[in-house]
N, C-alpha and C. Protein backbone atom coordinates (compact mmCIF):
# COMPACT_ATOMS: atom_id res chain seq x y z
N MET A 1 -17.22 7.32 -39.29
CA MET A 1 -16.51 8.08 -38.28
C MET A 1 -15.29 8.73 -38.95
N SER A 2 -15.10 9.99 -38.69
CA SER A 2 -14.00 10.71 -39.31
C SER A 2 -12.68 10.30 -38.66
N HIS A 3 -11.59 10.57 -39.37
CA HIS A 3 -10.25 10.24 -38.85
C HIS A 3 -9.94 11.04 -37.58
N THR A 4 -10.37 12.28 -37.52
CA THR A 4 -10.13 13.11 -36.34
C THR A 4 -10.84 12.54 -35.12
N THR A 5 -12.08 12.14 -35.29
CA THR A 5 -12.84 11.56 -34.18
C THR A 5 -12.22 10.25 -33.72
N LEU A 6 -11.78 9.44 -34.67
CA LEU A 6 -11.15 8.17 -34.34
C LEU A 6 -9.85 8.39 -33.57
N ILE A 7 -9.04 9.33 -33.98
CA ILE A 7 -7.78 9.64 -33.30
C ILE A 7 -8.07 10.14 -31.89
N LEU A 8 -9.06 11.02 -31.74
CA LEU A 8 -9.43 11.53 -30.42
C LEU A 8 -9.92 10.40 -29.51
N LEU A 9 -10.72 9.52 -30.05
CA LEU A 9 -11.23 8.39 -29.29
C LEU A 9 -10.10 7.46 -28.84
N LEU A 10 -9.17 7.15 -29.71
CA LEU A 10 -8.03 6.29 -29.37
C LEU A 10 -7.11 6.96 -28.36
N SER A 11 -6.91 8.24 -28.47
CA SER A 11 -6.07 8.97 -27.52
C SER A 11 -6.69 8.96 -26.13
N THR A 12 -8.00 9.15 -26.06
CA THR A 12 -8.70 9.13 -24.78
C THR A 12 -8.63 7.75 -24.15
N ALA A 13 -8.81 6.71 -24.95
CA ALA A 13 -8.73 5.33 -24.44
C ALA A 13 -7.34 5.03 -23.91
N ALA A 14 -6.31 5.47 -24.62
CA ALA A 14 -4.94 5.25 -24.16
C ALA A 14 -4.68 5.95 -22.84
N LEU A 15 -5.21 7.15 -22.67
CA LEU A 15 -5.05 7.88 -21.42
C LEU A 15 -5.74 7.16 -20.27
N LEU A 16 -6.93 6.66 -20.52
CA LEU A 16 -7.65 5.92 -19.49
C LEU A 16 -6.93 4.65 -19.09
N ILE A 17 -6.36 3.95 -20.03
CA ILE A 17 -5.63 2.72 -19.74
C ILE A 17 -4.39 3.03 -18.91
N CYS A 18 -3.71 4.12 -19.19
CA CYS A 18 -2.50 4.49 -18.45
C CYS A 18 -2.80 4.80 -16.99
N THR A 19 -3.97 5.37 -16.69
CA THR A 19 -4.28 5.77 -15.32
C THR A 19 -5.16 4.76 -14.60
N GLU A 20 -5.56 3.70 -15.29
CA GLU A 20 -6.43 2.70 -14.68
C GLU A 20 -5.77 2.09 -13.45
N GLY A 21 -6.49 2.03 -12.36
CA GLY A 21 -5.99 1.39 -11.16
C GLY A 21 -5.22 2.31 -10.23
N GLN A 22 -4.69 3.40 -10.70
CA GLN A 22 -3.94 4.28 -9.84
C GLN A 22 -4.90 5.04 -8.93
N GLN A 23 -4.60 5.05 -7.65
CA GLN A 23 -5.46 5.70 -6.68
C GLN A 23 -4.79 6.97 -6.17
N ASP A 24 -5.60 7.88 -5.64
CA ASP A 24 -5.08 9.15 -5.16
C ASP A 24 -4.69 9.03 -3.69
N TYR A 25 -3.42 9.18 -3.42
CA TYR A 25 -2.86 9.10 -2.07
C TYR A 25 -3.53 10.12 -1.15
N HIS A 26 -3.79 11.30 -1.66
CA HIS A 26 -4.27 12.41 -0.83
C HIS A 26 -5.72 12.25 -0.37
N THR A 27 -6.46 11.32 -0.95
CA THR A 27 -7.84 11.09 -0.51
C THR A 27 -7.93 10.03 0.59
N LEU A 28 -6.81 9.42 0.94
CA LEU A 28 -6.79 8.37 1.96
C LEU A 28 -6.82 8.96 3.37
N ASP A 29 -7.28 8.17 4.34
CA ASP A 29 -7.28 8.61 5.73
C ASP A 29 -5.86 8.58 6.29
N SER A 30 -5.65 9.19 7.44
CA SER A 30 -4.32 9.31 8.05
C SER A 30 -3.69 7.97 8.36
N LEU A 31 -4.47 7.02 8.85
CA LEU A 31 -3.93 5.69 9.17
C LEU A 31 -3.40 5.01 7.91
N SER A 32 -4.15 5.08 6.82
CA SER A 32 -3.70 4.47 5.56
C SER A 32 -2.44 5.16 5.04
N LYS A 33 -2.42 6.49 5.05
CA LYS A 33 -1.24 7.23 4.59
C LYS A 33 -0.01 6.88 5.42
N ASN A 34 -0.16 6.86 6.74
CA ASN A 34 0.98 6.53 7.61
C ASN A 34 1.47 5.11 7.36
N SER A 35 0.55 4.19 7.10
CA SER A 35 0.92 2.82 6.81
C SER A 35 1.65 2.71 5.47
N ILE A 36 1.17 3.44 4.48
CA ILE A 36 1.84 3.46 3.17
C ILE A 36 3.24 4.05 3.30
N ASN A 37 3.38 5.08 4.12
CA ASN A 37 4.70 5.67 4.34
C ASN A 37 5.65 4.67 4.99
N LEU A 38 5.13 3.78 5.85
CA LEU A 38 5.97 2.71 6.41
C LEU A 38 6.46 1.78 5.31
N ALA A 39 5.58 1.47 4.35
CA ALA A 39 5.98 0.62 3.22
C ALA A 39 7.03 1.31 2.36
N ILE A 40 6.86 2.60 2.11
CA ILE A 40 7.85 3.34 1.32
C ILE A 40 9.19 3.35 2.04
N THR A 41 9.17 3.58 3.36
CA THR A 41 10.41 3.56 4.15
C THR A 41 11.08 2.19 4.04
N HIS A 42 10.29 1.13 4.13
CA HIS A 42 10.83 -0.23 4.05
C HIS A 42 11.46 -0.50 2.68
N ILE A 43 10.75 -0.18 1.61
CA ILE A 43 11.25 -0.47 0.26
C ILE A 43 12.46 0.38 -0.09
N HIS A 44 12.56 1.57 0.48
CA HIS A 44 13.71 2.44 0.19
C HIS A 44 15.02 1.85 0.71
N LYS A 45 14.95 0.87 1.60
CA LYS A 45 16.17 0.22 2.08
C LYS A 45 16.80 -0.67 1.01
N THR A 46 16.01 -1.06 -0.01
CA THR A 46 16.51 -2.03 -0.99
C THR A 46 16.47 -1.58 -2.45
N VAL A 47 15.79 -0.50 -2.76
CA VAL A 47 15.72 -0.06 -4.17
C VAL A 47 16.33 1.32 -4.32
N ARG A 48 16.73 1.63 -5.53
CA ARG A 48 17.42 2.89 -5.79
C ARG A 48 16.49 4.08 -6.00
N PRO A 49 15.47 4.00 -6.89
CA PRO A 49 14.65 5.19 -7.11
C PRO A 49 13.65 5.40 -5.98
N HIS A 50 13.12 6.62 -5.91
CA HIS A 50 12.03 6.89 -4.97
C HIS A 50 10.80 6.10 -5.44
N MET A 51 10.08 5.53 -4.50
CA MET A 51 8.86 4.77 -4.80
C MET A 51 7.65 5.58 -4.34
N ASN A 52 6.61 5.57 -5.16
CA ASN A 52 5.36 6.26 -4.84
C ASN A 52 4.22 5.27 -4.71
N PHE A 53 3.21 5.67 -3.97
CA PHE A 53 1.99 4.89 -3.84
C PHE A 53 1.31 4.78 -5.20
N PHE A 54 0.85 3.57 -5.53
CA PHE A 54 0.13 3.36 -6.78
C PHE A 54 -1.30 2.88 -6.53
N GLY A 55 -1.50 2.01 -5.54
CA GLY A 55 -2.85 1.53 -5.28
C GLY A 55 -2.91 0.57 -4.11
N ILE A 56 -4.13 0.28 -3.69
CA ILE A 56 -4.37 -0.65 -2.59
C ILE A 56 -4.91 -1.95 -3.17
N LEU A 57 -4.24 -3.05 -2.84
CA LEU A 57 -4.70 -4.37 -3.27
C LEU A 57 -5.73 -4.95 -2.30
N GLU A 58 -5.50 -4.70 -1.01
CA GLU A 58 -6.36 -5.28 0.02
C GLU A 58 -6.29 -4.39 1.25
N HIS A 59 -7.43 -4.24 1.91
CA HIS A 59 -7.50 -3.39 3.11
C HIS A 59 -8.47 -4.03 4.09
N ASN A 60 -7.95 -4.51 5.22
CA ASN A 60 -8.77 -5.09 6.28
C ASN A 60 -8.50 -4.31 7.55
N GLU A 61 -9.56 -3.76 8.11
CA GLU A 61 -9.40 -2.90 9.27
C GLU A 61 -10.56 -3.10 10.23
N ASP A 62 -10.23 -3.15 11.52
CA ASP A 62 -11.26 -3.09 12.54
C ASP A 62 -10.80 -2.09 13.59
N SER A 63 -11.46 -2.05 14.72
CA SER A 63 -11.14 -1.02 15.70
C SER A 63 -9.77 -1.19 16.32
N ASP A 64 -9.19 -2.39 16.26
CA ASP A 64 -7.91 -2.65 16.92
C ASP A 64 -6.76 -3.00 15.98
N TYR A 65 -7.05 -3.39 14.73
CA TYR A 65 -6.02 -3.97 13.87
C TYR A 65 -6.19 -3.52 12.42
N LEU A 66 -5.06 -3.33 11.74
CA LEU A 66 -5.06 -2.98 10.32
C LEU A 66 -4.13 -3.93 9.58
N SER A 67 -4.59 -4.40 8.45
CA SER A 67 -3.76 -5.17 7.54
C SER A 67 -4.06 -4.67 6.14
N MET A 68 -3.03 -4.24 5.42
CA MET A 68 -3.26 -3.78 4.05
C MET A 68 -2.10 -4.17 3.15
N LYS A 69 -2.46 -4.42 1.90
CA LYS A 69 -1.47 -4.69 0.85
C LYS A 69 -1.57 -3.55 -0.14
N VAL A 70 -0.43 -2.97 -0.45
CA VAL A 70 -0.40 -1.83 -1.37
C VAL A 70 0.59 -2.10 -2.49
N VAL A 71 0.46 -1.33 -3.56
CA VAL A 71 1.40 -1.38 -4.67
C VAL A 71 2.14 -0.05 -4.70
N LEU A 72 3.46 -0.15 -4.77
CA LEU A 72 4.32 1.03 -4.93
C LEU A 72 4.96 0.94 -6.30
N LYS A 73 5.18 2.10 -6.91
CA LYS A 73 5.75 2.13 -8.26
C LYS A 73 6.97 3.04 -8.28
N ALA A 74 7.98 2.62 -9.02
CA ALA A 74 9.21 3.40 -9.16
C ALA A 74 8.93 4.73 -9.86
N THR A 75 9.68 5.75 -9.46
CA THR A 75 9.51 7.08 -10.06
C THR A 75 10.82 7.52 -10.71
N ASN A 76 10.77 8.69 -11.32
CA ASN A 76 11.95 9.27 -11.94
C ASN A 76 12.80 10.07 -10.95
N CYS A 77 12.45 10.07 -9.69
CA CYS A 77 13.17 10.82 -8.66
C CYS A 77 14.16 9.92 -7.92
N ALA A 78 15.25 10.53 -7.51
CA ALA A 78 16.18 9.84 -6.62
C ALA A 78 15.65 9.95 -5.20
N LYS A 79 16.03 9.02 -4.36
CA LYS A 79 15.62 9.12 -2.96
C LYS A 79 16.30 10.33 -2.34
N ASN A 80 15.56 11.04 -1.48
CA ASN A 80 16.12 12.23 -0.83
C ASN A 80 15.90 12.20 0.67
N GLY A 81 15.58 11.03 1.20
CA GLY A 81 15.31 10.92 2.63
C GLY A 81 13.85 11.12 2.99
N GLU A 82 13.05 11.53 2.02
CA GLU A 82 11.61 11.73 2.25
C GLU A 82 10.90 10.42 1.94
N ASN A 83 10.39 9.77 2.97
CA ASN A 83 9.75 8.47 2.82
C ASN A 83 8.23 8.58 2.82
N THR A 84 7.73 9.32 1.84
CA THR A 84 6.30 9.51 1.67
C THR A 84 6.02 9.67 0.19
N HIS A 85 4.77 9.59 -0.19
CA HIS A 85 4.37 9.80 -1.58
C HIS A 85 4.75 11.22 -1.98
N ARG A 86 5.37 11.38 -3.14
CA ARG A 86 5.80 12.70 -3.61
C ARG A 86 5.12 13.01 -4.94
N ASP A 87 4.32 14.07 -4.94
CA ASP A 87 3.62 14.47 -6.16
C ASP A 87 4.57 14.97 -7.25
N ASP A 88 5.74 15.45 -6.87
CA ASP A 88 6.67 15.98 -7.86
C ASP A 88 7.37 14.88 -8.64
N CYS A 89 7.22 13.63 -8.23
CA CYS A 89 7.86 12.50 -8.91
C CYS A 89 6.88 11.81 -9.84
N LYS A 90 7.29 11.63 -11.06
CA LYS A 90 6.45 10.96 -12.06
C LYS A 90 6.83 9.48 -12.13
N SER A 91 5.84 8.65 -12.40
CA SER A 91 6.08 7.21 -12.53
C SER A 91 7.00 6.94 -13.70
N ARG A 92 7.91 6.00 -13.49
CA ARG A 92 8.78 5.57 -14.58
C ARG A 92 7.99 4.73 -15.56
N THR A 93 8.42 4.77 -16.80
CA THR A 93 7.82 3.85 -17.77
C THR A 93 8.36 2.46 -17.45
N GLY A 94 7.64 1.48 -17.83
CA GLY A 94 8.02 0.12 -17.48
C GLY A 94 7.15 -0.37 -16.35
N ASN A 95 7.54 -1.46 -15.79
CA ASN A 95 6.65 -2.10 -14.83
C ASN A 95 7.36 -2.40 -13.52
N GLN A 96 8.13 -1.47 -12.99
CA GLN A 96 8.82 -1.70 -11.73
C GLN A 96 7.86 -1.37 -10.58
N ARG A 97 7.07 -2.39 -10.21
CA ARG A 97 6.09 -2.23 -9.13
C ARG A 97 6.41 -3.24 -8.03
N PHE A 98 6.13 -2.83 -6.81
CA PHE A 98 6.33 -3.69 -5.65
C PHE A 98 5.04 -3.79 -4.87
N ALA A 99 4.75 -4.98 -4.38
CA ALA A 99 3.61 -5.20 -3.48
C ALA A 99 4.17 -5.21 -2.07
N CYS A 100 3.49 -4.53 -1.18
CA CYS A 100 3.93 -4.47 0.21
C CYS A 100 2.76 -4.77 1.13
N VAL A 101 3.06 -5.40 2.25
CA VAL A 101 2.07 -5.63 3.29
C VAL A 101 2.47 -4.81 4.50
N ILE A 102 1.48 -4.23 5.15
CA ILE A 102 1.68 -3.48 6.38
C ILE A 102 0.57 -3.94 7.32
N CYS A 103 0.93 -4.35 8.52
CA CYS A 103 -0.10 -4.77 9.46
C CYS A 103 0.36 -4.51 10.88
N GLY A 104 -0.60 -4.37 11.77
CA GLY A 104 -0.28 -4.16 13.17
C GLY A 104 -1.47 -3.66 13.96
N GLU A 105 -1.27 -3.59 15.26
CA GLU A 105 -2.29 -3.08 16.17
C GLU A 105 -2.42 -1.57 15.96
N ARG A 106 -3.64 -1.10 15.93
CA ARG A 106 -3.91 0.33 15.74
C ARG A 106 -3.74 1.10 17.03
N SER A 107 -3.23 2.31 16.88
CA SER A 107 -3.19 3.26 17.98
C SER A 107 -3.45 4.63 17.37
N GLY A 108 -4.71 5.00 17.28
CA GLY A 108 -5.07 6.24 16.60
C GLY A 108 -4.80 6.11 15.12
N SER A 109 -3.98 7.02 14.58
CA SER A 109 -3.65 6.98 13.15
C SER A 109 -2.27 6.35 12.91
N GLU A 110 -1.79 5.60 13.89
CA GLU A 110 -0.49 4.92 13.78
C GLU A 110 -0.67 3.44 14.07
N LEU A 111 0.35 2.66 13.74
CA LEU A 111 0.40 1.25 14.09
C LEU A 111 1.50 1.04 15.12
N THR A 112 1.22 0.22 16.13
CA THR A 112 2.24 -0.10 17.12
C THR A 112 2.91 -1.40 16.70
N GLU A 113 4.21 -1.41 16.70
CA GLU A 113 5.01 -2.57 16.29
C GLU A 113 4.52 -3.16 14.97
N PRO A 114 4.50 -2.36 13.91
CA PRO A 114 3.99 -2.85 12.63
C PRO A 114 4.93 -3.86 11.98
N PHE A 115 4.35 -4.74 11.20
CA PHE A 115 5.11 -5.63 10.33
C PHE A 115 5.00 -5.08 8.93
N THR A 116 6.13 -4.93 8.24
CA THR A 116 6.14 -4.41 6.87
C THR A 116 7.09 -5.26 6.04
N ASP A 117 6.66 -5.63 4.84
CA ASP A 117 7.49 -6.42 3.94
C ASP A 117 7.06 -6.11 2.51
N CYS A 118 8.01 -6.21 1.57
CA CYS A 118 7.71 -5.90 0.17
C CYS A 118 8.38 -6.93 -0.74
N ILE A 119 7.80 -7.09 -1.92
CA ILE A 119 8.36 -7.97 -2.94
C ILE A 119 7.93 -7.43 -4.30
N GLN A 120 8.68 -7.76 -5.35
CA GLN A 120 8.26 -7.34 -6.68
C GLN A 120 6.85 -7.85 -6.94
N ARG A 121 6.03 -7.01 -7.52
CA ARG A 121 4.61 -7.32 -7.72
C ARG A 121 4.40 -8.66 -8.41
N ARG A 122 5.20 -8.96 -9.41
CA ARG A 122 5.01 -10.19 -10.17
C ARG A 122 5.35 -11.43 -9.35
N ARG A 123 6.07 -11.25 -8.24
CA ARG A 123 6.46 -12.37 -7.38
C ARG A 123 5.58 -12.46 -6.12
N LEU A 124 4.49 -11.72 -6.09
CA LEU A 124 3.61 -11.67 -4.93
C LEU A 124 3.19 -13.05 -4.40
N PRO A 125 2.82 -14.01 -5.26
CA PRO A 125 2.40 -15.32 -4.73
C PRO A 125 3.45 -16.00 -3.84
N GLU A 126 4.71 -15.68 -4.02
CA GLU A 126 5.77 -16.29 -3.20
C GLU A 126 5.65 -15.89 -1.73
N LYS A 127 5.06 -14.76 -1.44
CA LYS A 127 4.99 -14.24 -0.07
C LYS A 127 3.62 -14.35 0.58
N GLU A 128 2.59 -14.68 -0.18
CA GLU A 128 1.22 -14.66 0.33
C GLU A 128 1.06 -15.46 1.63
N ASN A 129 1.50 -16.70 1.67
CA ASN A 129 1.32 -17.52 2.87
C ASN A 129 2.11 -16.98 4.05
N TYR A 130 3.32 -16.52 3.81
CA TYR A 130 4.15 -15.93 4.87
C TYR A 130 3.47 -14.70 5.45
N TRP A 131 2.95 -13.83 4.59
CA TRP A 131 2.29 -12.62 5.04
C TRP A 131 1.02 -12.95 5.84
N LYS A 132 0.28 -13.97 5.41
CA LYS A 132 -0.93 -14.35 6.14
C LYS A 132 -0.59 -14.77 7.56
N LYS A 133 0.52 -15.46 7.74
CA LYS A 133 0.94 -15.89 9.08
C LYS A 133 1.40 -14.71 9.93
N LYS A 134 2.08 -13.75 9.32
CA LYS A 134 2.61 -12.60 10.06
C LYS A 134 1.53 -11.57 10.40
N CYS A 135 0.49 -11.52 9.60
CA CYS A 135 -0.53 -10.48 9.78
C CYS A 135 -1.82 -11.03 10.36
N VAL A 136 -1.69 -11.69 11.49
CA VAL A 136 -2.83 -12.20 12.22
C VAL A 136 -2.88 -11.43 13.54
N PRO A 137 -4.01 -10.82 13.86
CA PRO A 137 -4.07 -10.11 15.15
C PRO A 137 -3.75 -11.06 16.30
N THR A 138 -2.94 -10.58 17.22
CA THR A 138 -2.57 -11.41 18.37
C THR A 138 -3.63 -11.28 19.45
N TYR A 139 -3.87 -12.36 20.13
CA TYR A 139 -4.82 -12.37 21.24
C TYR A 139 -4.07 -12.02 22.50
N ASN A 140 -4.54 -11.05 23.22
CA ASN A 140 -3.91 -10.63 24.47
C ASN A 140 -4.74 -11.19 25.62
N PRO A 141 -4.21 -12.22 26.32
CA PRO A 141 -5.01 -12.84 27.37
C PRO A 141 -5.37 -11.90 28.51
N GLY A 142 -4.69 -10.79 28.67
CA GLY A 142 -5.02 -9.84 29.71
C GLY A 142 -6.18 -8.94 29.35
N MET A 143 -6.63 -9.01 28.12
CA MET A 143 -7.70 -8.15 27.64
C MET A 143 -8.97 -8.96 27.45
N HIS A 144 -9.70 -9.24 28.52
CA HIS A 144 -10.95 -9.97 28.45
C HIS A 144 -12.11 -8.99 28.55
N SER A 145 -13.21 -9.40 27.99
CA SER A 145 -14.41 -8.59 28.20
C SER A 145 -14.98 -8.93 29.57
N LEU A 146 -15.86 -8.11 30.05
CA LEU A 146 -16.49 -8.38 31.34
C LEU A 146 -17.26 -9.70 31.31
N MET A 147 -17.88 -10.00 30.17
CA MET A 147 -18.64 -11.24 30.06
C MET A 147 -17.75 -12.46 30.17
N SER A 148 -16.53 -12.39 29.66
CA SER A 148 -15.65 -13.57 29.71
C SER A 148 -15.13 -13.82 31.11
N ARG A 149 -15.21 -12.85 31.99
CA ARG A 149 -14.74 -13.02 33.36
C ARG A 149 -15.87 -13.41 34.32
N ALA A 150 -17.07 -13.33 33.83
CA ALA A 150 -18.21 -13.63 34.71
C ALA A 150 -18.20 -15.11 35.07
N GLU A 151 -18.53 -15.38 36.30
CA GLU A 151 -18.61 -16.76 36.75
C GLU A 151 -20.08 -17.14 36.85
N TYR A 152 -20.48 -18.21 36.19
CA TYR A 152 -21.87 -18.64 36.18
C TYR A 152 -22.02 -19.90 36.97
């Protein structure tokens, strides 16, 4: 193998490793984007740089409830009041990533009374049990099916 081919191969591998795992925000559905924007809004209360969407760790959705864990990554942009993914901001070098959970009852492409929380990605295990307790769909006793009301 020639030196030029080897250099090209190594450069391509390095590029693939750098982008591995990063997902495209713009290909997500409206509910997911709105939920991610809630996480960005939440994390902006405690960190200095603008945070961008990096990927989805977990996504559980049914017709009434959404629970998702996402990764946000620090960018080279300052916060400007825009609490959404910004294409003009490039990811910072280093590993400043945060894991966030967003969950709540669905209402179209929005969540009603959502729960949102974030922690540094490397500290995620510290919050797992707490998040599992907070992100459980609530049972509404006023919402029975017709079959559950039938008297036999």
